[in-house]
């Protein structure tokens, strides 16, 4: 079981804390243009980041997720998912 906490620190940056067997922190950048491309504004940027981490955690432990990345550099076949 895991718990995800997402805090938007500025217009394009999010700090994510994942509490699982280990606690990890991650910094993700998400530009407005890329957010709109992925979602068309259907969900909030914070919700997109949270759902993206849910997607990742279904596939790998939080300790394997990069501590810092730009969402534009990672793609997934699922619309609205970042890696």
C-alpha atoms as a PDB file:
ATOM      1  CA  UNK A   1       0.000   0.000   0.000  1.00  0.00           C
ATOM      2  CA  UNK A   2       1.209   3.486  -0.732  1.00  0.00           C
ATOM      3  CA  UNK A   3       0.192   7.086  -0.119  1.00  0.00           C
ATOM      4  CA  UNK A   4       0.922   9.879  -2.591  1.00  0.00           C
ATOM      5  CA  UNK A   5       1.087  13.534  -1.605  1.00  0.00           C
ATOM      6  CA  UNK A   6       1.370  16.103  -4.415  1.00  0.00           C
ATOM      7  CA  UNK A   7       2.159  19.765  -3.791  1.00  0.00           C
ATOM      8  CA  UNK A   8       2.351  22.288  -6.601  1.00  0.00           C
ATOM      9  CA  UNK A   9       5.296  24.540  -5.730  1.00  0.00           C
ATOM     10  CA  UNK A  10       4.996  26.884  -8.723  1.00  0.00           C
ATOM     11  CA  UNK A  11       3.170  27.056 -12.029  1.00  0.00           C
ATOM     12  CA  UNK A  12       5.082  24.137 -13.563  1.00  0.00           C
ATOM     13  CA  UNK A  13       6.699  22.273 -10.657  1.00  0.00           C
ATOM     14  CA  UNK A  14       5.311  19.604  -8.359  1.00  0.00           C
ATOM     15  CA  UNK A  15       6.850  17.999  -5.284  1.00  0.00           C
ATOM     16  CA  UNK A  16       5.636  14.454  -4.732  1.00  0.00           C
ATOM     17  CA  UNK A  17       6.111  12.368  -1.611  1.00  0.00           C
ATOM     18  CA  UNK A  18       5.388   8.661  -1.835  1.00  0.00           C
ATOM     19  CA  UNK A  19       5.002   6.728   1.390  1.00  0.00           C
ATOM     20  CA  UNK A  20       5.349   3.000   0.882  1.00  0.00           C
ATOM     21  CA  UNK A  21       7.826   0.590   2.463  1.00  0.00           C
ATOM     22  CA  UNK A  22      10.253   3.497   1.932  1.00  0.00           C
ATOM     23  CA  UNK A  23       9.484   7.203   1.711  1.00  0.00           C
ATOM     24  CA  UNK A  24      10.658   8.907  -1.467  1.00  0.00           C
ATOM     25  CA  UNK A  25      10.405  12.439  -2.801  1.00  0.00           C
ATOM     26  CA  UNK A  26      10.224  13.459  -6.427  1.00  0.00           C
ATOM     27  CA  UNK A  27      10.182  16.720  -8.375  1.00  0.00           C
ATOM     28  CA  UNK A  28       8.238  16.814 -11.626  1.00  0.00           C
ATOM     29  CA  UNK A  29       7.904  19.671 -14.083  1.00  0.00           C
ATOM     30  CA  UNK A  30       4.779  19.920 -16.209  1.00  0.00           C
ATOM     31  CA  UNK A  31       4.376  22.867 -18.571  1.00  0.00           C
ATOM     32  CA  UNK A  32       0.939  24.312 -19.260  1.00  0.00           C
ATOM     33  CA  UNK A  33       1.241  23.468 -22.961  1.00  0.00           C
ATOM     34  CA  UNK A  34       2.099  19.834 -22.296  1.00  0.00           C
ATOM     35  CA  UNK A  35      -0.610  19.559 -19.633  1.00  0.00           C
ATOM     36  CA  UNK A  36      -3.196  20.854 -22.136  1.00  0.00           C
ATOM     37  CA  UNK A  37      -1.892  18.509 -24.832  1.00  0.00           C
ATOM     38  CA  UNK A  38      -2.333  15.521 -22.525  1.00  0.00           C
ATOM     39  CA  UNK A  39      -5.621  16.396 -20.866  1.00  0.00           C
ATOM     40  CA  UNK A  40      -7.385  19.150 -22.772  1.00  0.00           C
ATOM     41  CA  UNK A  41      -8.014  20.642 -19.346  1.00  0.00           C
ATOM     42  CA  UNK A  42     -10.296  17.770 -18.294  1.00  0.00           C
ATOM     43  CA  UNK A  43      -8.483  17.233 -14.980  1.00  0.00           C
ATOM     44  CA  UNK A  44      -6.292  19.482 -12.869  1.00  0.00           C
ATOM     45  CA  UNK A  45      -2.505  19.453 -13.259  1.00  0.00           C
ATOM     46  CA  UNK A  46      -2.209  18.142  -9.695  1.00  0.00           C
ATOM     47  CA  UNK A  47      -4.625  15.290 -10.476  1.00  0.00           C
ATOM     48  CA  UNK A  48      -2.633  14.442 -13.617  1.00  0.00           C
ATOM     49  CA  UNK A  49       0.584  14.159 -11.624  1.00  0.00           C
ATOM     50  CA  UNK A  50      -1.105  12.075  -8.907  1.00  0.00           C
ATOM     51  CA  UNK A  51      -2.693   9.704 -11.435  1.00  0.00           C
ATOM     52  CA  UNK A  52       0.628   9.418 -13.221  1.00  0.00           C
ATOM     53  CA  UNK A  53       2.328   8.302 -10.026  1.00  0.00           C
ATOM     54  CA  UNK A  54      -0.467   5.791  -9.402  1.00  0.00           C
ATOM     55  CA  UNK A  55       0.218   4.422 -12.882  1.00  0.00           C
ATOM     56  CA  UNK A  56       3.957   4.188 -12.214  1.00  0.00           C
ATOM     57  CA  UNK A  57       3.505   2.567  -8.814  1.00  0.00           C
ATOM     58  CA  UNK A  58       1.427  -0.197 -10.378  1.00  0.00           C
ATOM     59  CA  UNK A  59       4.549  -1.105 -12.376  1.00  0.00           C
ATOM     60  CA  UNK A  60       7.516  -0.395 -10.114  1.00  0.00           C
ATOM     61  CA  UNK A  61       8.363   0.494  -6.521  1.00  0.00           C
ATOM     62  CA  UNK A  62       8.664   4.152  -5.592  1.00  0.00           C
ATOM     63  CA  UNK A  63      12.393   3.714  -5.046  1.00  0.00           C
ATOM     64  CA  UNK A  64      12.815   3.055  -8.793  1.00  0.00           C
ATOM     65  CA  UNK A  65      11.067   6.259  -9.929  1.00  0.00           C
ATOM     66  CA  UNK A  66      13.457   9.077 -10.801  1.00  0.00           C
ATOM     67  CA  UNK A  67      13.752  11.725  -8.104  1.00  0.00           C
ATOM     68  CA  UNK A  68      13.528  14.542 -10.683  1.00  0.00           C
ATOM     69  CA  UNK A  69      12.167  14.599 -14.213  1.00  0.00           C
ATOM     70  CA  UNK A  70      10.362  16.707 -16.778  1.00  0.00           C
ATOM     71  CA  UNK A  71       7.108  15.089 -17.792  1.00  0.00           C
ATOM     72  CA  UNK A  72       7.720  16.048 -21.426  1.00  0.00           C
ATOM     73  CA  UNK A  73      10.767  13.764 -21.532  1.00  0.00           C
ATOM     74  CA  UNK A  74       8.707  10.726 -20.553  1.00  0.00           C
ATOM     75  CA  UNK A  75       5.881   9.273 -22.555  1.00  0.00           C
ATOM     76  CA  UNK A  76       3.403   6.513 -21.973  1.00  0.00           C
ATOM     77  CA  UNK A  77       0.861   4.865 -24.201  1.00  0.00           C
ATOM     78  CA  UNK A  78      -1.833   5.991 -21.750  1.00  0.00           C
ATOM     79  CA  UNK A  79      -3.078   9.523 -22.375  1.00  0.00           C
ATOM     80  CA  UNK A  80      -2.381  11.672 -19.372  1.00  0.00           C
ATOM     81  CA  UNK A  81       0.255   9.432 -17.874  1.00  0.00           C
ATOM     82  CA  UNK A  82       3.823  10.537 -17.348  1.00  0.00           C
ATOM     83  CA  UNK A  83       6.790   8.424 -16.378  1.00  0.00           C
END
